[in-house]
């Protein structure tokens, strides 16, 4: 079951995408950054939450619950959110 904060996030992502207000600099990927699986419309995304933008599959929530699209970019204040790349650089290097 998805909690209220996650539902708010998913809704905000969908509104931003539908209205064309998702900044171009925000990550849009069809690959889960947690398991590195490239997802496609044929399935294989059971543990992921996805959406489609102009026919292209986009991962919104990774297989372990990571919010892939920056919540700050869709109007949800999240001062501690970091991309996985930033987290890796901080903790591994």
C-alpha atoms as a PDB file:
ATOM      1  CA  UNK A   1       0.000   0.000   0.000  1.00  0.00           C
ATOM      2  CA  UNK A   2       1.240   3.479  -0.857  1.00  0.00           C
ATOM      3  CA  UNK A   3       1.380   6.063   1.935  1.00  0.00           C
ATOM      4  CA  UNK A   4      -0.105   9.560   1.708  1.00  0.00           C
ATOM      5  CA  UNK A   5       3.233  11.314   1.097  1.00  0.00           C
ATOM      6  CA  UNK A   6       4.025   8.983  -1.793  1.00  0.00           C
ATOM      7  CA  UNK A   7       0.562   9.444  -3.323  1.00  0.00           C
ATOM      8  CA  UNK A   8       1.009  13.226  -3.074  1.00  0.00           C
ATOM      9  CA  UNK A   9       4.391  12.898  -4.801  1.00  0.00           C
ATOM     10  CA  UNK A  10       3.050  10.695  -7.601  1.00  0.00           C
ATOM     11  CA  UNK A  11       0.132  13.058  -8.144  1.00  0.00           C
ATOM     12  CA  UNK A  12       2.462  16.082  -8.274  1.00  0.00           C
ATOM     13  CA  UNK A  13       4.714  14.314 -10.794  1.00  0.00           C
ATOM     14  CA  UNK A  14       1.748  13.463 -13.020  1.00  0.00           C
ATOM     15  CA  UNK A  15       0.375  17.019 -12.831  1.00  0.00           C
ATOM     16  CA  UNK A  16       3.803  18.485 -13.691  1.00  0.00           C
ATOM     17  CA  UNK A  17       4.183  16.113 -16.633  1.00  0.00           C
ATOM     18  CA  UNK A  18       0.636  16.641 -17.923  1.00  0.00           C
ATOM     19  CA  UNK A  19       0.929  20.429 -17.695  1.00  0.00           C
ATOM     20  CA  UNK A  20       4.390  20.529 -19.256  1.00  0.00           C
ATOM     21  CA  UNK A  21       5.849  22.009 -16.077  1.00  0.00           C
ATOM     22  CA  UNK A  22       8.477  19.370 -15.347  1.00  0.00           C
ATOM     23  CA  UNK A  23      11.778  21.209 -15.826  1.00  0.00           C
ATOM     24  CA  UNK A  24      13.946  19.879 -18.640  1.00  0.00           C
ATOM     25  CA  UNK A  25      16.829  19.454 -16.191  1.00  0.00           C
ATOM     26  CA  UNK A  26      14.886  16.912 -14.112  1.00  0.00           C
ATOM     27  CA  UNK A  27      15.962  13.323 -14.571  1.00  0.00           C
ATOM     28  CA  UNK A  28      13.717  11.336 -16.902  1.00  0.00           C
ATOM     29  CA  UNK A  29      14.831   7.753 -17.266  1.00  0.00           C
ATOM     30  CA  UNK A  30      13.488   4.370 -18.257  1.00  0.00           C
ATOM     31  CA  UNK A  31      16.145   2.678 -16.122  1.00  0.00           C
ATOM     32  CA  UNK A  32      15.622   2.109 -12.419  1.00  0.00           C
ATOM     33  CA  UNK A  33      18.550   3.763 -10.634  1.00  0.00           C
ATOM     34  CA  UNK A  34      18.292   1.222  -7.810  1.00  0.00           C
ATOM     35  CA  UNK A  35      18.446  -2.086  -9.712  1.00  0.00           C
ATOM     36  CA  UNK A  36      19.740  -0.751 -13.064  1.00  0.00           C
ATOM     37  CA  UNK A  37      16.924  -2.539 -14.943  1.00  0.00           C
ATOM     38  CA  UNK A  38      15.846  -0.839 -18.144  1.00  0.00           C
ATOM     39  CA  UNK A  39      12.066  -0.999 -18.207  1.00  0.00           C
ATOM     40  CA  UNK A  40       9.869  -1.125 -21.276  1.00  0.00           C
ATOM     41  CA  UNK A  41       6.191  -1.136 -22.139  1.00  0.00           C
ATOM     42  CA  UNK A  42       6.202  -4.930 -22.429  1.00  0.00           C
ATOM     43  CA  UNK A  43       6.354  -5.318 -18.655  1.00  0.00           C
ATOM     44  CA  UNK A  44       8.985  -6.227 -16.120  1.00  0.00           C
ATOM     45  CA  UNK A  45       8.263  -3.248 -13.903  1.00  0.00           C
ATOM     46  CA  UNK A  46       6.249  -4.950 -11.158  1.00  0.00           C
ATOM     47  CA  UNK A  47       8.231  -3.393  -8.299  1.00  0.00           C
ATOM     48  CA  UNK A  48       8.454   0.043  -9.920  1.00  0.00           C
ATOM     49  CA  UNK A  49       6.007   2.889 -10.340  1.00  0.00           C
ATOM     50  CA  UNK A  50       6.130   4.264 -13.853  1.00  0.00           C
ATOM     51  CA  UNK A  51       4.373   6.776 -16.073  1.00  0.00           C
ATOM     52  CA  UNK A  52       4.502   7.551 -19.765  1.00  0.00           C
ATOM     53  CA  UNK A  53       5.495  10.872 -21.321  1.00  0.00           C
ATOM     54  CA  UNK A  54       4.836  11.196 -25.045  1.00  0.00           C
ATOM     55  CA  UNK A  55       4.898   7.424 -25.335  1.00  0.00           C
ATOM     56  CA  UNK A  56       8.152   7.084 -23.411  1.00  0.00           C
ATOM     57  CA  UNK A  57       8.232   5.110 -20.166  1.00  0.00           C
ATOM     58  CA  UNK A  58       9.585   7.070 -17.183  1.00  0.00           C
ATOM     59  CA  UNK A  59      10.460   5.593 -13.776  1.00  0.00           C
ATOM     60  CA  UNK A  60       8.822   7.652 -11.012  1.00  0.00           C
ATOM     61  CA  UNK A  61       9.562   5.390  -8.022  1.00  0.00           C
ATOM     62  CA  UNK A  62      12.342   2.820  -8.062  1.00  0.00           C
ATOM     63  CA  UNK A  63      12.053  -0.803  -6.985  1.00  0.00           C
ATOM     64  CA  UNK A  64      13.173  -0.016  -3.430  1.00  0.00           C
ATOM     65  CA  UNK A  65      10.976   3.062  -3.009  1.00  0.00           C
ATOM     66  CA  UNK A  66      13.403   5.793  -4.131  1.00  0.00           C
ATOM     67  CA  UNK A  67      11.676   8.890  -5.557  1.00  0.00           C
ATOM     68  CA  UNK A  68      13.501   9.158  -8.887  1.00  0.00           C
ATOM     69  CA  UNK A  69      12.109  12.537  -9.983  1.00  0.00           C
ATOM     70  CA  UNK A  70      13.212  15.341  -7.669  1.00  0.00           C
ATOM     71  CA  UNK A  71      10.182  16.195  -5.495  1.00  0.00           C
ATOM     72  CA  UNK A  72      11.361  19.814  -5.245  1.00  0.00           C
ATOM     73  CA  UNK A  73      10.913  20.105  -9.018  1.00  0.00           C
ATOM     74  CA  UNK A  74       7.225  19.190  -8.728  1.00  0.00           C
ATOM     75  CA  UNK A  75       6.387  21.510  -5.857  1.00  0.00           C
ATOM     76  CA  UNK A  76       7.008  19.249  -2.865  1.00  0.00           C
ATOM     77  CA  UNK A  77       9.495  20.753  -0.441  1.00  0.00           C
ATOM     78  CA  UNK A  78      12.097  18.118   0.261  1.00  0.00           C
ATOM     79  CA  UNK A  79      15.319  19.798   1.355  1.00  0.00           C
ATOM     80  CA  UNK A  80      17.048  16.489   2.115  1.00  0.00           C
ATOM     81  CA  UNK A  81      16.314  14.784  -1.236  1.00  0.00           C
ATOM     82  CA  UNK A  82      19.445  13.896  -3.198  1.00  0.00           C
ATOM     83  CA  UNK A  83      19.964  12.109  -6.458  1.00  0.00           C
ATOM     84  CA  UNK A  84      21.448   8.650  -6.099  1.00  0.00           C
ATOM     85  CA  UNK A  85      24.566   9.909  -7.887  1.00  0.00           C
ATOM     86  CA  UNK A  86      25.027  12.645  -5.281  1.00  0.00           C
ATOM     87  CA  UNK A  87      24.465  10.160  -2.462  1.00  0.00           C
ATOM     88  CA  UNK A  88      27.030   7.781  -3.935  1.00  0.00           C
ATOM     89  CA  UNK A  89      29.613  10.555  -4.280  1.00  0.00           C
ATOM     90  CA  UNK A  90      29.069  11.646  -0.691  1.00  0.00           C
ATOM     91  CA  UNK A  91      29.212   8.218   0.890  1.00  0.00           C
ATOM     92  CA  UNK A  92      31.715   6.452  -1.373  1.00  0.00           C
ATOM     93  CA  UNK A  93      34.205   9.065  -2.146  1.00  0.00           C
END
